Structure formats: structure tokens, C-alpha cells
Amino acid sequence: MNTQKPKRVAIYARVSTASQTVENQLSELREVAERNGWRIIAELSDSGISGAKGRDQRPSFDELLRRATRREFDLIMVWAIDRLGRSIQHLVGFMNEIQSLGVDLYVHQQAIDTTTPSGRMIFGIFSALGEYERELIRERIMAGQRRARSQGVKIGRPTKMNDAVRTSVHLLRDKGMAIREIAKRLEIGVGTVYSALKAA
């Protein structure tokens, strides 16, 4: 993490609908950069794209991270935290990635600046919240599986095993066909072939 004020910055802006404009976000961030003596290296924006979309669906966001990997700038500036993503998991993933690259983050509306001690503390809080969210999701999934099992629902991929499949497996195996070839011929998994043979 950088301890000095960065000189090179990249501005990222995003709006959710095509009727909105990123210009207000950009102009405010340009003023902040000018006041701090920061040099703007790049201005990147995604228009008409929801923050819930992943990196692969946000071209400028993807370019931002690729250029960060190349260390083209020291700091990323955004107008508000929700411009980066809509979930804590996405935000924490993004913050961890740029932190590992030695790139800092400035968020105008929430007054987050990871070049400062208070900014780094906020980053730590986000990381803790991300871990808490992952644990909650895991607990909900496990609770749902336990409930389903108690109701007699089988958890896992459905099997294609039936008497016709078992018979076909044995006939083909008796003819000397390899396990993988049997699986391919019957369009079943190799594990299913082994299960059919083992059941016999």
C-alpha cells in the first residue's frame, strides 16, 4: 500500500442506464485530482451497465483492472462505492486485487482514501464484512441441504442409472469395450459405468 500521495491516477465512472451521463462524476473527480496535484492517466467509464454485472460484462472496468496489473497508475478514483459493484463480495474482491498490485483507492462520496490510515481501516472493515457475508451464504446453503435431506430429497447430480443402463454396460463390457468407450457410447459418466459394474 502506498504511503505517499500518488501522482498518477485513473478515474472510473459508471451509470446504470443509457439515459444517464457519467460527466458529473468525471468533472467532480477531475477537480479533486487537480486540487491534490494528481496526474490523470486514464478516464474509463461504463454506461448503461448495472453494478451487479461481472467484470466480463463491464468492458471499461475490465480494462481498468488490466491497466492496474500493468502498474500504469498509483490510484483509482471513483465517485461512489456503488460505482464499483453492488455486493460486498465484489467490492472486497476488487479491493484485494488492487491492494495486491500496490494501487490505492479514492472514493469521493464516502470519503475513502486508502493512502491514509483511516482509509486503510475502512478497507479492513469491508474485508471483515465480506468474510461475514461468505459465512452467512455458506450457512444458508448447508441449512437448505439439511432441510432437503430431512424431506427425502437427494442432494447432488441426478443419476442416469436404471436397469437398461446396467444391462447395456454389462453387455458392452463383456464384448471387451473399454470403460471410457462405454461411457461415451451410452452418454453416461465413467463413474456411472463403474457403479453399474460394481453393483453386479
C-alpha atoms as a PDB file:
ATOM      1  CA  MET A   1       0.000   0.000   0.000  1.00  0.00           C
ATOM      2  CA  ASN A   2       1.394   3.406  -0.924  1.00  0.00           C
ATOM      3  CA  THR A   3       2.076   5.826   1.951  1.00  0.00           C
ATOM      4  CA  GLN A   4       2.716   8.940  -0.158  1.00  0.00           C
ATOM      5  CA  LYS A   5       0.217  10.875  -2.202  1.00  0.00           C
ATOM      6  CA  PRO A   6       0.046   9.217  -5.602  1.00  0.00           C
ATOM      7  CA  LYS A   7       0.913  11.176  -8.726  1.00  0.00           C
ATOM      8  CA  ARG A   8      -0.723   9.017 -11.398  1.00  0.00           C
ATOM      9  CA  VAL A   9      -4.460   8.315 -11.203  1.00  0.00           C
ATOM     10  CA  ALA A  10      -7.156   6.548 -13.199  1.00  0.00           C
ATOM     11  CA  ILE A  11     -10.771   7.691 -12.946  1.00  0.00           C
ATOM     12  CA  TYR A  12     -13.568   5.144 -13.281  1.00  0.00           C
ATOM     13  CA  ALA A  13     -17.221   6.140 -13.714  1.00  0.00           C
ATOM     14  CA  ARG A  14     -20.380   4.108 -14.283  1.00  0.00           C
ATOM     15  CA  VAL A  15     -24.087   4.739 -14.854  1.00  0.00           C
ATOM     16  CA  SER A  16     -26.806   2.094 -14.945  1.00  0.00           C
ATOM     17  CA  THR A  17     -28.917   3.431 -17.829  1.00  0.00           C
ATOM     18  CA  ALA A  18     -28.091   4.835 -21.246  1.00  0.00           C
ATOM     19  CA  SER A  19     -30.124   7.962 -20.459  1.00  0.00           C
ATOM     20  CA  GLN A  20     -27.755   8.893 -17.614  1.00  0.00           C
ATOM     21  CA  THR A  21     -24.355  10.507 -18.080  1.00  0.00           C
ATOM     22  CA  VAL A  22     -21.014   9.921 -16.406  1.00  0.00           C
ATOM     23  CA  GLU A  23     -19.943  13.536 -16.967  1.00  0.00           C
ATOM     24  CA  ASN A  24     -20.985  14.756 -13.488  1.00  0.00           C
ATOM     25  CA  GLN A  25     -18.919  12.025 -11.849  1.00  0.00           C
ATOM     26  CA  LEU A  26     -15.928  12.736 -14.068  1.00  0.00           C
ATOM     27  CA  SER A  27     -15.973  16.503 -13.568  1.00  0.00           C
ATOM     28  CA  GLU A  28     -16.052  16.203  -9.746  1.00  0.00           C
ATOM     29  CA  LEU A  29     -13.201  13.710  -9.740  1.00  0.00           C
ATOM     30  CA  ARG A  30     -11.139  15.845 -12.109  1.00  0.00           C
ATOM     31  CA  GLU A  31     -11.477  18.748  -9.653  1.00  0.00           C
ATOM     32  CA  VAL A  32     -10.306  16.556  -6.758  1.00  0.00           C
ATOM     33  CA  ALA A  33      -7.318  15.345  -8.773  1.00  0.00           C
ATOM     34  CA  GLU A  34      -6.398  18.915  -9.687  1.00  0.00           C
ATOM     35  CA  ARG A  35      -6.627  20.105  -6.049  1.00  0.00           C
ATOM     36  CA  ASN A  36      -4.319  17.306  -4.939  1.00  0.00           C
ATOM     37  CA  GLY A  37      -1.843  17.714  -7.769  1.00  0.00           C
ATOM     38  CA  TRP A  38      -2.584  14.239  -9.109  1.00  0.00           C
ATOM     39  CA  ARG A  39      -1.938  13.494 -12.780  1.00  0.00           C
ATOM     40  CA  ILE A  40      -4.845  11.790 -14.589  1.00  0.00           C
ATOM     41  CA  ILE A  41      -3.531   8.918 -16.705  1.00  0.00           C
ATOM     42  CA  ALA A  42      -6.865   7.461 -17.799  1.00  0.00           C
ATOM     43  CA  GLU A  43     -10.606   8.091 -17.660  1.00  0.00           C
ATOM     44  CA  LEU A  44     -12.690   4.949 -18.100  1.00  0.00           C
ATOM     45  CA  SER A  45     -16.468   4.633 -17.967  1.00  0.00           C
ATOM     46  CA  ASP A  46     -19.233   2.068 -18.436  1.00  0.00           C
ATOM     47  CA  SER A  47     -22.634   3.439 -19.483  1.00  0.00           C
ATOM     48  CA  GLY A  48     -25.932   1.595 -19.257  1.00  0.00           C
ATOM     49  CA  ILE A  49     -24.408  -1.260 -17.250  1.00  0.00           C
ATOM     50  CA  SER A  50     -25.589  -2.376 -13.812  1.00  0.00           C
ATOM     51  CA  GLY A  51     -23.075  -2.618 -10.987  1.00  0.00           C
ATOM     52  CA  ALA A  52     -24.352  -6.158 -10.413  1.00  0.00           C
ATOM     53  CA  LYS A  53     -22.730  -7.227 -13.696  1.00  0.00           C
ATOM     54  CA  GLY A  54     -19.432  -9.037 -13.537  1.00  0.00           C
ATOM     55  CA  ARG A  55     -16.101  -7.852 -14.845  1.00  0.00           C
ATOM     56  CA  ASP A  56     -16.631  -9.703 -18.142  1.00  0.00           C
ATOM     57  CA  GLN A  57     -19.757  -7.611 -18.828  1.00  0.00           C
ATOM     58  CA  ARG A  58     -18.178  -4.253 -17.957  1.00  0.00           C
ATOM     59  CA  PRO A  59     -15.535  -3.521 -20.630  1.00  0.00           C
ATOM     60  CA  SER A  60     -14.071  -0.378 -19.076  1.00  0.00           C
ATOM     61  CA  PHE A  61     -13.970  -1.924 -15.603  1.00  0.00           C
ATOM     62  CA  ASP A  62     -12.107  -4.888 -17.085  1.00  0.00           C
ATOM     63  CA  GLU A  63      -9.680  -2.506 -18.814  1.00  0.00           C
ATOM     64  CA  LEU A  64      -9.189  -0.642 -15.530  1.00  0.00           C
ATOM     65  CA  LEU A  65      -8.044  -3.810 -13.789  1.00  0.00           C
ATOM     66  CA  ARG A  66      -5.844  -4.877 -16.696  1.00  0.00           C
ATOM     67  CA  ARG A  67      -4.110  -1.498 -16.680  1.00  0.00           C
ATOM     68  CA  ALA A  68      -3.752  -1.677 -12.901  1.00  0.00           C
ATOM     69  CA  THR A  69      -1.962  -5.003 -13.370  1.00  0.00           C
ATOM     70  CA  ARG A  70       0.469  -3.209 -15.673  1.00  0.00           C
ATOM     71  CA  ARG A  71       1.028  -0.592 -12.905  1.00  0.00           C
ATOM     72  CA  GLU A  72       0.035   2.288 -15.172  1.00  0.00           C
ATOM     73  CA  PHE A  73      -1.266   4.289 -12.196  1.00  0.00           C
ATOM     74  CA  ASP A  74      -0.978   4.500  -8.424  1.00  0.00           C
ATOM     75  CA  LEU A  75      -4.575   5.334  -7.520  1.00  0.00           C
ATOM     76  CA  ILE A  76      -8.085   4.585  -8.779  1.00  0.00           C
ATOM     77  CA  MET A  77     -10.696   7.312  -8.269  1.00  0.00           C
ATOM     78  CA  VAL A  78     -14.456   6.676  -8.224  1.00  0.00           C
ATOM     79  CA  TRP A  79     -17.352   8.949  -7.364  1.00  0.00           C
ATOM     80  CA  ALA A  80     -19.153   6.472  -5.048  1.00  0.00           C
ATOM     81  CA  ILE A  81     -18.560   2.946  -3.781  1.00  0.00           C
ATOM     82  CA  ASP A  82     -21.584   1.543  -5.646  1.00  0.00           C
ATOM     83  CA  ARG A  83     -19.964   2.551  -8.956  1.00  0.00           C
ATOM     84  CA  LEU A  84     -17.552  -0.349  -8.403  1.00  0.00           C
ATOM     85  CA  GLY A  85     -20.095  -3.043  -7.540  1.00  0.00           C
ATOM     86  CA  ARG A  86     -23.372  -3.868  -5.858  1.00  0.00           C
ATOM     87  CA  SER A  87     -22.252  -6.617  -3.494  1.00  0.00           C
ATOM     88  CA  ILE A  88     -19.741  -6.686  -0.675  1.00  0.00           C
ATOM     89  CA  GLN A  89     -18.141  -9.762  -2.237  1.00  0.00           C
ATOM     90  CA  HIS A  90     -17.454  -7.896  -5.492  1.00  0.00           C
ATOM     91  CA  LEU A  91     -16.108  -4.874  -3.630  1.00  0.00           C
ATOM     92  CA  VAL A  92     -13.816  -6.901  -1.395  1.00  0.00           C
ATOM     93  CA  GLY A  93     -12.550  -8.907  -4.370  1.00  0.00           C
ATOM     94  CA  PHE A  94     -11.799  -5.686  -6.237  1.00  0.00           C
ATOM     95  CA  MET A  95     -10.097  -4.075  -3.242  1.00  0.00           C
ATOM     96  CA  ASN A  96      -7.982  -7.155  -2.556  1.00  0.00           C
ATOM     97  CA  GLU A  97      -6.885  -7.272  -6.178  1.00  0.00           C
ATOM     98  CA  ILE A  98      -5.780  -3.654  -6.414  1.00  0.00           C
ATOM     99  CA  GLN A  99      -4.182  -3.796  -2.961  1.00  0.00           C
ATOM    100  CA  SER A 100      -2.050  -6.744  -4.072  1.00  0.00           C
ATOM    101  CA  LEU A 101      -0.932  -4.618  -7.029  1.00  0.00           C
ATOM    102  CA  GLY A 102       0.039  -1.687  -4.796  1.00  0.00           C
ATOM    103  CA  VAL A 103      -2.744   0.502  -6.207  1.00  0.00           C
ATOM    104  CA  ASP A 104      -4.759   2.708  -3.838  1.00  0.00           C
ATOM    105  CA  LEU A 105      -8.435   3.677  -3.957  1.00  0.00           C
ATOM    106  CA  TYR A 106     -10.160   7.035  -3.555  1.00  0.00           C
ATOM    107  CA  VAL A 107     -13.977   7.097  -3.198  1.00  0.00           C
ATOM    108  CA  HIS A 108     -15.354  10.634  -3.266  1.00  0.00           C
ATOM    109  CA  GLN A 109     -18.841  10.301  -1.734  1.00  0.00           C
ATOM    110  CA  GLN A 110     -17.818   8.014   1.120  1.00  0.00           C
ATOM    111  CA  ALA A 111     -14.529   9.877   1.735  1.00  0.00           C
ATOM    112  CA  ILE A 112     -12.458   6.693   1.462  1.00  0.00           C
ATOM    113  CA  ASP A 113      -8.790   7.184   0.672  1.00  0.00           C
ATOM    114  CA  THR A 114      -6.611   4.126   1.228  1.00  0.00           C
ATOM    115  CA  THR A 115      -3.467   6.260   1.155  1.00  0.00           C
ATOM    116  CA  THR A 116      -4.466   7.352   4.688  1.00  0.00           C
ATOM    117  CA  PRO A 117      -4.661   5.308   7.929  1.00  0.00           C
ATOM    118  CA  SER A 118      -8.437   5.874   8.229  1.00  0.00           C
ATOM    119  CA  GLY A 119      -8.929   4.728   4.638  1.00  0.00           C
ATOM    120  CA  ARG A 120      -6.978   1.553   5.274  1.00  0.00           C
ATOM    121  CA  MET A 121      -9.102   0.925   8.381  1.00  0.00           C
ATOM    122  CA  ILE A 122     -12.277   1.172   6.268  1.00  0.00           C
ATOM    123  CA  PHE A 123     -10.758  -1.298   3.819  1.00  0.00           C
ATOM    124  CA  GLY A 124     -10.238  -3.697   6.734  1.00  0.00           C
ATOM    125  CA  ILE A 125     -13.884  -3.322   7.742  1.00  0.00           C
ATOM    126  CA  PHE A 126     -15.011  -4.135   4.190  1.00  0.00           C
ATOM    127  CA  SER A 127     -12.839  -7.257   4.211  1.00  0.00           C
ATOM    128  CA  ALA A 128     -14.373  -8.380   7.517  1.00  0.00           C
ATOM    129  CA  LEU A 129     -17.890  -7.780   6.161  1.00  0.00           C
ATOM    130  CA  GLY A 130     -17.028  -9.785   3.053  1.00  0.00           C
ATOM    131  CA  GLU A 131     -15.892 -12.717   5.176  1.00  0.00           C
ATOM    132  CA  TYR A 132     -19.065 -12.452   7.270  1.00  0.00           C
ATOM    133  CA  GLU A 133     -21.220 -12.434   4.111  1.00  0.00           C
ATOM    134  CA  ARG A 134     -19.449 -15.554   2.765  1.00  0.00           C
ATOM    135  CA  GLU A 135     -20.054 -17.342   6.074  1.00  0.00           C
ATOM    136  CA  LEU A 136     -23.757 -16.426   6.048  1.00  0.00           C
ATOM    137  CA  ILE A 137     -24.137 -17.728   2.485  1.00  0.00           C
ATOM    138  CA  ARG A 138     -22.376 -20.980   3.391  1.00  0.00           C
ATOM    139  CA  GLU A 139     -24.601 -21.457   6.447  1.00  0.00           C
ATOM    140  CA  ARG A 140     -27.764 -20.833   4.386  1.00  0.00           C
ATOM    141  CA  ILE A 141     -26.680 -23.393   1.784  1.00  0.00           C
ATOM    142  CA  MET A 142     -25.908 -26.014   4.437  1.00  0.00           C
ATOM    143  CA  ALA A 143     -29.205 -25.362   6.227  1.00  0.00           C
ATOM    144  CA  GLY A 144     -31.080 -25.732   2.935  1.00  0.00           C
ATOM    145  CA  GLN A 145     -29.348 -29.038   2.213  1.00  0.00           C
ATOM    146  CA  ARG A 146     -30.125 -30.392   5.694  1.00  0.00           C
ATOM    147  CA  ARG A 147     -33.783 -29.404   5.291  1.00  0.00           C
ATOM    148  CA  ALA A 148     -33.959 -31.046   1.859  1.00  0.00           C
ATOM    149  CA  ARG A 149     -32.397 -34.267   3.133  1.00  0.00           C
ATOM    150  CA  SER A 150     -34.841 -34.396   6.039  1.00  0.00           C
ATOM    151  CA  GLN A 151     -37.637 -34.242   3.452  1.00  0.00           C
ATOM    152  CA  GLY A 152     -36.160 -37.139   1.492  1.00  0.00           C
ATOM    153  CA  VAL A 153     -34.606 -35.061  -1.297  1.00  0.00           C
ATOM    154  CA  LYS A 154     -31.358 -36.428  -2.702  1.00  0.00           C
ATOM    155  CA  ILE A 155     -28.561 -33.861  -2.896  1.00  0.00           C
ATOM    156  CA  GLY A 156     -26.225 -33.975  -5.883  1.00  0.00           C
ATOM    157  CA  ARG A 157     -26.364 -34.604  -9.594  1.00  0.00           C
ATOM    158  CA  PRO A 158     -29.213 -36.816 -10.820  1.00  0.00           C
ATOM    159  CA  THR A 159     -28.091 -40.286 -11.881  1.00  0.00           C
ATOM    160  CA  LYS A 160     -28.888 -41.895 -15.232  1.00  0.00           C
ATOM    161  CA  MET A 161     -28.657 -45.337 -13.698  1.00  0.00           C
ATOM    162  CA  ASN A 162     -31.522 -47.753 -14.405  1.00  0.00           C
ATOM    163  CA  ASP A 163     -31.901 -51.423 -15.385  1.00  0.00           C
ATOM    164  CA  ALA A 164     -31.468 -50.729 -19.104  1.00  0.00           C
ATOM    165  CA  VAL A 165     -28.227 -48.846 -18.474  1.00  0.00           C
ATOM    166  CA  ARG A 166     -26.886 -51.604 -16.205  1.00  0.00           C
ATOM    167  CA  THR A 167     -27.660 -54.270 -18.799  1.00  0.00           C
ATOM    168  CA  SER A 168     -26.067 -52.246 -21.603  1.00  0.00           C
ATOM    169  CA  VAL A 169     -22.934 -51.626 -19.542  1.00  0.00           C
ATOM    170  CA  HIS A 170     -22.507 -55.336 -18.859  1.00  0.00           C
ATOM    171  CA  LEU A 171     -23.117 -56.343 -22.476  1.00  0.00           C
ATOM    172  CA  LEU A 172     -20.566 -53.848 -23.795  1.00  0.00           C
ATOM    173  CA  ARG A 173     -18.033 -54.751 -21.108  1.00  0.00           C
ATOM    174  CA  ASP A 174     -18.448 -58.456 -21.901  1.00  0.00           C
ATOM    175  CA  LYS A 175     -17.568 -57.598 -25.506  1.00  0.00           C
ATOM    176  CA  GLY A 176     -14.283 -56.137 -24.234  1.00  0.00           C
ATOM    177  CA  MET A 177     -15.143 -52.476 -24.634  1.00  0.00           C
ATOM    178  CA  ALA A 178     -13.122 -50.025 -22.531  1.00  0.00           C
ATOM    179  CA  ILE A 179     -14.775 -48.162 -19.645  1.00  0.00           C
ATOM    180  CA  ARG A 180     -14.434 -44.750 -21.273  1.00  0.00           C
ATOM    181  CA  GLU A 181     -15.774 -46.039 -24.570  1.00  0.00           C
ATOM    182  CA  ILE A 182     -18.823 -47.484 -22.780  1.00  0.00           C
ATOM    183  CA  ALA A 183     -19.438 -44.157 -21.071  1.00  0.00           C
ATOM    184  CA  LYS A 184     -19.188 -42.350 -24.390  1.00  0.00           C
ATOM    185  CA  ARG A 185     -21.424 -44.835 -26.225  1.00  0.00           C
ATOM    186  CA  LEU A 186     -24.162 -44.703 -23.564  1.00  0.00           C
ATOM    187  CA  GLU A 187     -23.691 -40.974 -22.848  1.00  0.00           C
ATOM    188  CA  ILE A 188     -23.132 -41.541 -19.139  1.00  0.00           C
ATOM    189  CA  GLY A 189     -20.290 -40.732 -16.774  1.00  0.00           C
ATOM    190  CA  VAL A 190     -17.341 -43.025 -16.197  1.00  0.00           C
ATOM    191  CA  GLY A 191     -18.387 -43.209 -12.529  1.00  0.00           C
ATOM    192  CA  THR A 192     -21.806 -44.489 -13.564  1.00  0.00           C
ATOM    193  CA  VAL A 193     -20.160 -47.277 -15.603  1.00  0.00           C
ATOM    194  CA  TYR A 194     -18.067 -48.322 -12.604  1.00  0.00           C
ATOM    195  CA  SER A 195     -21.167 -48.212 -10.363  1.00  0.00           C
ATOM    196  CA  ALA A 196     -23.069 -50.483 -12.752  1.00  0.00           C
ATOM    197  CA  LEU A 197     -20.204 -52.991 -12.852  1.00  0.00           C
ATOM    198  CA  LYS A 198     -19.702 -52.849  -9.086  1.00  0.00           C
ATOM    199  CA  ALA A 199     -23.423 -53.429  -8.443  1.00  0.00           C
ATOM    200  CA  ALA A 200     -23.166 -56.684 -10.325  1.00  0.00           C
END
